[in-house]
Protein backbone atom coordinates (compact mmCIF):
# COMPACT_ATOMS: atom_id res chain seq x y z
CA ILE A 1 44.39 -12.98 74.38
CA ASP A 2 47.46 -12.55 71.91
CA ILE A 3 46.31 -12.53 68.29
CA ASN A 4 50.22 -12.56 67.73
CA PHE A 5 51.10 -15.85 69.45
CA GLU A 6 51.82 -18.65 66.56
CA PHE A 7 51.04 -21.74 68.17
CA TRP A 8 53.06 -24.02 66.15
CA LYS A 9 55.80 -22.54 68.54
CA GLU A 10 54.90 -24.27 71.74
CA ILE A 11 54.67 -27.83 69.84
CA PRO A 12 56.78 -30.36 68.76
CA LYS A 13 57.83 -30.64 65.34
CA GLY A 14 55.37 -32.25 63.16
CA LYS A 15 52.63 -31.94 65.14
CA ASP A 16 49.16 -30.23 64.95
CA PRO A 17 48.55 -27.08 66.89
CA ASP A 18 45.05 -28.29 66.15
CA SER A 19 45.46 -31.05 68.36
CA CYS A 20 48.73 -30.72 70.41
CA SER A 21 48.34 -26.71 71.88
CA PRO A 22 46.93 -25.98 75.02
CA THR A 23 47.31 -22.62 74.26
CA LEU A 24 45.50 -22.71 71.15
CA GLN A 25 42.20 -24.94 73.07
CA SER A 26 42.66 -22.26 75.69
CA TYR A 27 41.84 -19.50 73.49
CA HIS A 28 39.24 -21.70 71.40
CA LYS A 29 37.09 -21.57 75.47
CA ILE A 30 37.99 -18.34 76.13
CA LEU A 31 36.50 -16.84 72.36
CA TRP A 32 33.47 -19.21 72.06
CA SER A 33 31.88 -19.46 75.10
CA LYS A 34 29.27 -17.00 74.97
CA PRO A 35 25.56 -16.41 74.29
CA LEU A 36 24.30 -17.44 71.17
CA PRO A 37 21.87 -15.55 68.79
CA ASN A 38 19.02 -17.07 70.69
CA GLY A 39 20.43 -15.27 73.84
CA LYS A 40 21.00 -18.46 75.55
CA ASN A 41 24.32 -18.93 76.92
CA PHE A 42 27.28 -21.87 74.65
CA GLU A 43 29.26 -22.90 77.74
CA LEU A 44 32.24 -24.68 76.47
CA LEU A 45 34.43 -27.44 78.45
CA ALA A 46 38.22 -28.09 78.69
CA ASN A 47 39.21 -31.72 77.92
CA SER A 48 36.24 -33.61 77.88
CA THR A 49 35.98 -36.73 79.65
CA LYS A 50 35.38 -38.40 76.60
CA SER A 51 37.77 -37.23 74.41
CA LYS A 52 41.16 -35.57 75.05
CA ARG A 53 42.09 -31.55 73.58
CA ARG A 54 38.12 -31.41 72.90
CA LEU A 55 35.67 -28.74 73.99
CA PHE A 56 33.09 -29.93 75.13
CA HIS A 57 28.97 -28.56 75.73
CA ASN A 58 26.03 -30.50 77.07
CA SER A 59 23.00 -28.47 78.19
CA GLU A 60 19.51 -28.26 76.80
CA LEU A 61 21.15 -27.40 73.55
CA GLY A 62 21.85 -30.27 73.07
CA GLU A 63 25.37 -32.29 73.28
CA PHE A 64 28.58 -31.07 71.51
CA ILE A 65 31.81 -31.91 70.88
CA LEU A 66 34.05 -30.13 69.17
CA SER A 67 37.44 -29.31 67.91
CA SER A 68 39.85 -26.98 66.42
CA ASP A 69 40.24 -26.85 62.68
CA SER A 70 42.70 -24.67 60.58
CA ILE A 71 41.31 -22.21 58.11
CA GLY A 72 44.66 -20.83 57.06
CA HIS A 73 46.19 -23.36 54.40
CA THR A 74 50.05 -22.23 52.72
CA TYR A 75 49.75 -25.56 50.91
CA ARG A 76 53.31 -25.78 51.85
CA ASN A 77 53.31 -29.46 52.32
CA VAL A 78 50.52 -31.14 50.43
CA LYS A 79 51.41 -33.04 47.62
CA ASN A 80 50.29 -31.88 44.62
CA LYS A 81 52.89 -31.81 42.42
CA ASN A 82 52.04 -28.67 40.63
CA ILE A 83 51.69 -26.59 43.92
CA LYS A 84 55.22 -28.13 44.76
CA GLU A 85 56.51 -26.34 41.97
CA ILE A 86 55.00 -23.80 42.33
CA ILE A 87 56.05 -22.93 46.24
CA SER A 88 59.64 -23.71 45.15
CA GLN A 89 59.15 -20.34 42.71
CA ILE A 90 58.12 -17.70 45.76
CA ASP A 91 60.81 -16.66 48.04
CA THR A 92 60.83 -18.75 51.39
CA LYS A 93 60.73 -15.27 53.46
CA LYS A 94 57.03 -15.02 52.18
CA ILE A 95 56.12 -18.73 52.55
CA ASN A 96 57.44 -18.56 56.34
CA SER A 97 55.33 -15.61 56.68
CA PHE A 98 52.71 -16.66 55.04
CA TYR A 99 52.21 -19.48 57.34
CA SER A 100 53.09 -17.83 60.67
CA VAL A 101 49.96 -15.42 59.97
CA CYS A 102 48.12 -18.65 59.45
CA CYS A 103 49.34 -20.27 62.68
CA THR A 104 47.56 -17.45 64.77
CA ILE A 105 44.19 -17.64 66.46
CA GLY A 106 42.56 -15.58 63.15
CA GLY A 107 43.69 -18.90 61.52
CA TYR A 108 41.14 -21.31 63.36
CA ILE A 109 37.42 -22.40 64.15
CA LEU A 110 36.03 -24.69 65.99
CA PHE A 111 33.58 -28.11 64.09
CA PRO A 112 31.87 -31.14 65.46
CA ALA A 113 34.56 -33.55 66.18
CA LYS A 114 31.94 -36.61 67.05
CA LYS A 115 31.80 -38.92 63.87
CA ILE A 116 27.53 -39.98 63.11
CA ASP A 117 26.67 -43.06 61.60
CA ASN A 118 30.40 -43.57 61.49
CA LYS A 119 30.89 -41.01 58.44
CA LEU A 120 33.47 -38.22 57.66
CA THR A 121 33.33 -35.05 59.97
CA ILE A 122 33.45 -31.66 58.65
CA ASN A 123 36.85 -30.99 58.95
CA CYS A 124 38.03 -34.51 57.44
CA HIS A 125 35.21 -33.83 54.33
CA ARG A 126 36.12 -30.64 53.76
CA GLY A 127 40.01 -31.23 53.65
CA LEU A 128 39.51 -34.61 51.33
CA HIS A 129 36.84 -33.31 49.21
CA PRO A 130 38.96 -32.82 45.76
CA LYS A 131 36.67 -29.97 44.90
CA ILE A 132 37.40 -27.69 48.37
CA ILE A 133 41.01 -29.37 49.65
CA ASP A 134 40.80 -27.26 52.87
CA ARG A 135 40.26 -24.06 50.96
CA TRP A 136 38.37 -21.94 53.72
CA ASP A 137 36.54 -19.83 51.16
CA LEU A 138 35.22 -22.95 49.38
CA SER A 139 34.07 -24.11 53.16
CA LEU A 140 32.17 -21.41 53.85
CA GLU A 141 30.48 -21.22 50.69
CA CYS A 142 29.29 -24.37 51.49
CA ILE A 143 28.02 -23.48 54.44
CA ARG A 144 26.46 -20.58 53.13
CA CYS A 145 24.69 -22.92 50.53
CA PHE A 146 23.73 -25.06 53.66
CA TYR A 147 21.73 -22.78 55.30
CA LYS A 148 20.00 -21.37 52.05
CA LYS A 149 19.32 -25.19 51.67
CA GLU A 150 21.72 -25.04 48.26
CA GLU A 151 23.78 -27.88 46.87
CA ASN A 152 27.09 -27.77 47.21
CA PRO A 153 29.98 -30.76 47.14
CA ILE A 154 29.89 -31.67 51.32
CA LYS A 155 25.78 -30.95 51.37
CA GLU A 156 25.40 -34.44 52.88
CA THR A 157 27.92 -33.88 55.55
CA LEU A 158 27.01 -30.64 56.56
CA ILE A 159 23.56 -31.91 56.92
CA ARG A 160 24.37 -34.30 59.51
CA TYR A 161 25.64 -32.00 61.68
CA SER A 162 22.70 -29.34 61.79
CA ASP A 163 22.31 -29.35 65.63
CA PHE A 164 25.48 -27.33 65.59
CA PHE A 165 24.88 -24.76 62.34
CA ASN A 166 21.08 -24.65 63.73
CA LEU A 167 22.45 -23.02 67.20
CA PHE A 168 23.15 -20.19 65.27
CA GLN A 169 20.25 -20.15 63.36
CA ASN A 170 21.32 -18.66 60.15
CA PHE A 171 24.28 -17.46 58.18
CA LYS A 172 24.12 -14.35 59.12
CA GLY A 173 24.40 -16.03 62.72
CA TYR A 174 27.10 -18.01 62.17
CA VAL A 175 29.30 -15.53 60.61
CA LYS A 176 28.76 -13.24 63.80
CA TYR A 177 29.72 -15.66 66.22
CA PHE A 178 33.03 -16.68 64.87
CA HIS A 179 33.92 -13.18 63.79
CA LEU A 180 33.74 -13.83 59.78
CA GLU A 181 32.65 -10.72 58.72
CA ASP A 182 35.44 -9.54 56.56
CA MET A 183 34.47 -12.73 54.32
CA VAL A 184 30.74 -11.49 53.36
CA SER A 185 29.46 -9.33 51.09
CA ASP A 186 27.93 -6.40 54.04
CA ASP A 187 24.08 -8.35 53.43
CA TYR A 188 25.50 -11.61 54.24
CA ASN A 189 24.36 -13.28 50.96
CA SER A 190 27.78 -13.68 49.23
CA ILE A 191 31.54 -14.80 49.97
CA LYS A 192 34.78 -12.62 49.92
CA PHE A 193 36.41 -15.55 47.59
CA PHE A 194 40.67 -15.73 47.95
CA LEU A 195 40.62 -16.59 44.32
CA PRO A 196 37.88 -15.97 41.41
CA PHE A 197 35.18 -18.51 41.97
CA LYS A 198 34.02 -20.47 38.43
CA GLY A 199 31.96 -22.86 40.52
CA PHE A 200 33.15 -25.94 42.41
CA ASN A 201 33.43 -27.98 39.26
CA HIS A 202 36.93 -25.54 38.96
CA PRO A 203 40.07 -26.92 40.36
CA PRO A 204 40.29 -25.27 44.32
CA LEU A 205 43.98 -25.25 44.13
CA PRO A 206 46.32 -21.85 42.84
CA ALA A 207 47.45 -22.61 38.95
CA ASN A 208 50.24 -20.67 38.75
CA VAL A 209 52.44 -18.45 40.93
CA ASN A 210 50.52 -15.33 40.57
CA GLU A 211 47.07 -17.24 41.78
CA TYR A 212 49.13 -18.44 44.40
CA LEU A 213 50.43 -14.90 45.54
CA THR A 214 46.50 -13.58 45.12
CA TYR A 215 45.48 -16.31 47.54
CA ARG A 216 48.34 -15.34 49.81
CA LYS A 217 47.72 -11.87 49.90
CA ASN A 218 43.63 -12.58 50.49
CA LEU A 219 43.78 -15.14 53.05
CA MET A 220 46.33 -13.44 55.03
CA THR A 221 44.32 -9.94 54.90
CA PHE A 222 41.53 -12.36 55.90
CA ILE A 223 43.42 -13.42 59.28
CA LYS A 224 44.76 -10.10 60.60
CA ALA A 225 41.24 -8.70 59.71
CA ARG A 226 39.89 -11.30 61.78
CA ASN A 227 42.57 -11.48 64.86
CA LYS A 228 41.03 -7.43 64.83
CA ARG A 229 37.57 -8.33 65.65
CA ILE A 230 38.97 -11.20 68.21
CA TYR A 231 41.00 -8.65 69.94
CA LYS A 232 37.96 -6.15 69.93
CA SER A 233 35.64 -9.06 71.46
CA VAL A 234 37.58 -10.00 74.72
């Protein structure tokens, strides 16, 4: 696994690495085919016959169809007027270097891809919810709350996918499995947010240039640290 490889480089312009990068899919298969916290092996098969560009697992643990999801977002293509204005004030080189880091393996994770009761998947809900808008730190806080049985904006969606989250037994198990330790406190009881957390009712997007640069710095620091963990794990 090349932790510096940028997946956007091997796909057509305007396409999504999550669905179009064969290297990203192969990396996911290598990284997340491993023993679960309960010791049972979670082997993933590539290109499920049920869904292309998905990873598939079927055993006594259950049936899971998983898709890649980006956890590093620059918001450079978001339609929000305020964010566009903020990004226009930042050196293009900084935005491009931000995007490059986000396109390495440390900027991606797996979530269940199959709809349940024809409702939103986790990928879609955390991306569309106005209190999260794809912020990974806020998404991880929702997952922490799920394990603690606490309220959060996408609670019902996470509950629908309980079978997936139960594979990891608890929040610590989930964090360690996906090499997310650099985003949580030593006791696994709190999240290291990219911006100061003022509750889910506070607008999730950076409000000004300084906030955006803080968000950029903290997200890049996390992805680079996660890349190092991934490198050591294989």
